[in-house]
Amino acid sequence: MFIRIVKLTFKEEHVEEFVQYFEEIKHVVRSQPGCSFLELYQDKTQSNVFFTYSYWENEQDLDIYRYSDTFKEVWPYVKSMFAERAQAWSVDRLLTVN
């Protein structure tokens, strides 16, 4: 399993639209094969900056999603609201602190 972190910076006028859209489509992304977790975070100081955290079984599952009809519908719409290019990282969890 690995974690995918994506930073999304939106034009101010699209923040509410994005949040509403994410609420509508989150279950579709979560139901993709290999996706076991998805959350959305908002920056505390820049309200137009968001991060998605998703857990994937393997990189092949993420790639399958990225070439799916769902992604081809979701990504162009979300991208049209950007103020900056998205940034993404794939990371492995090393330690869990309880």
Protein backbone atom coordinates (compact mmCIF):
# COMPACT_ATOMS: atom_id res chain seq x y z
CA MET A 1 0.00 0.00 0.00
CA PHE A 2 1.07 3.57 -0.62
CA ILE A 3 -0.34 7.02 -0.07
CA ARG A 4 -1.02 9.56 -2.80
CA ILE A 5 -0.99 13.21 -1.75
CA VAL A 6 -2.21 15.82 -4.22
CA LYS A 7 -2.04 19.57 -3.60
CA LEU A 8 -4.77 21.54 -5.38
CA THR A 9 -4.80 25.35 -5.53
CA PHE A 10 -8.02 26.87 -6.79
CA LYS A 11 -9.10 30.28 -7.96
CA GLU A 12 -10.91 31.85 -5.00
CA GLU A 13 -14.20 32.01 -6.88
CA HIS A 14 -14.18 28.21 -7.38
CA VAL A 15 -13.52 27.05 -3.81
CA GLU A 16 -17.16 26.36 -2.90
CA GLU A 17 -17.83 24.80 -6.28
CA PHE A 18 -14.92 22.41 -5.82
CA VAL A 19 -15.97 21.43 -2.29
CA GLN A 20 -19.49 20.67 -3.49
CA TYR A 21 -18.18 18.70 -6.47
CA PHE A 22 -15.81 16.68 -4.28
CA GLU A 23 -18.73 15.82 -2.01
CA GLU A 24 -20.63 14.53 -5.05
CA ILE A 25 -17.84 12.41 -6.53
CA LYS A 26 -15.85 11.21 -3.51
CA HIS A 27 -17.74 7.91 -3.30
CA VAL A 28 -16.94 7.20 -6.96
CA VAL A 29 -13.21 7.64 -6.37
CA ARG A 30 -13.33 5.67 -3.11
CA SER A 31 -14.99 2.78 -4.93
CA GLN A 32 -12.19 2.44 -7.49
CA PRO A 33 -10.40 -0.92 -7.31
CA GLY A 34 -7.40 -0.63 -5.01
CA CYS A 35 -8.50 2.61 -3.32
CA SER A 36 -9.09 1.99 0.38
CA PHE A 37 -9.14 5.56 1.72
CA LEU A 38 -9.78 9.11 0.50
CA GLU A 39 -9.94 12.37 2.44
CA LEU A 40 -9.88 16.05 1.60
CA TYR A 41 -8.02 18.64 3.67
CA GLN A 42 -8.11 22.43 3.48
CA ASP A 43 -5.13 24.61 4.35
CA LYS A 44 -5.69 26.64 7.51
CA THR A 45 -4.17 29.87 6.18
CA GLN A 46 -4.93 29.70 2.45
CA SER A 47 -8.57 28.70 2.03
CA ASN A 48 -8.11 28.03 -1.68
CA VAL A 49 -5.47 25.32 -1.10
CA PHE A 50 -6.57 21.72 -0.62
CA PHE A 51 -4.88 18.35 -0.29
CA THR A 52 -6.29 14.96 -1.11
CA TYR A 53 -4.91 11.89 0.66
CA SER A 54 -5.73 8.54 -0.84
CA TYR A 55 -4.49 5.05 -0.02
CA TRP A 56 -3.89 2.63 -2.88
CA GLU A 57 -3.01 -1.04 -2.82
CA ASN A 58 -0.41 -0.59 -5.56
CA GLU A 59 0.67 1.80 -8.29
CA GLN A 60 -1.07 -0.25 -10.96
CA ASP A 61 -4.44 0.42 -9.28
CA LEU A 62 -3.73 4.16 -9.26
CA ASP A 63 -2.68 4.04 -12.92
CA ILE A 64 -5.86 2.15 -13.84
CA TYR A 65 -7.89 4.87 -12.13
CA ARG A 66 -5.90 7.63 -13.85
CA TYR A 67 -6.79 6.14 -17.25
CA SER A 68 -10.41 5.40 -16.35
CA ASP A 69 -13.48 7.11 -17.77
CA THR A 70 -14.17 8.44 -14.27
CA PHE A 71 -10.82 10.24 -14.08
CA LYS A 72 -11.22 11.52 -17.66
CA GLU A 73 -14.47 13.15 -16.55
CA VAL A 74 -13.42 14.40 -13.09
CA TRP A 75 -9.92 15.73 -13.74
CA PRO A 76 -10.60 18.18 -16.61
CA TYR A 77 -13.50 19.70 -14.67
CA VAL A 78 -11.45 20.11 -11.48
CA LYS A 79 -8.42 21.32 -13.44
CA SER A 80 -10.50 24.10 -15.04
CA MET A 81 -10.83 25.70 -11.58
CA PHE A 82 -7.10 25.74 -10.75
CA ALA A 83 -5.13 28.88 -9.95
CA GLU A 84 -1.90 26.83 -10.08
CA ARG A 85 -0.80 23.51 -11.46
CA ALA A 86 -1.50 20.57 -9.14
CA GLN A 87 1.38 18.88 -7.34
CA ALA A 88 1.37 15.17 -6.46
CA TRP A 89 3.48 12.82 -4.38
CA SER A 90 3.38 9.07 -3.89
CA VAL A 91 4.75 8.10 -0.47
CA ASP A 92 5.15 5.02 1.69
CA ARG A 93 4.18 5.11 5.36
CA LEU A 94 7.23 4.35 7.49
CA LEU A 95 5.92 4.68 11.03
CA THR A 96 2.57 4.89 12.75
CA VAL A 97 2.43 6.72 16.06
CA ASN A 98 -0.39 5.91 18.45
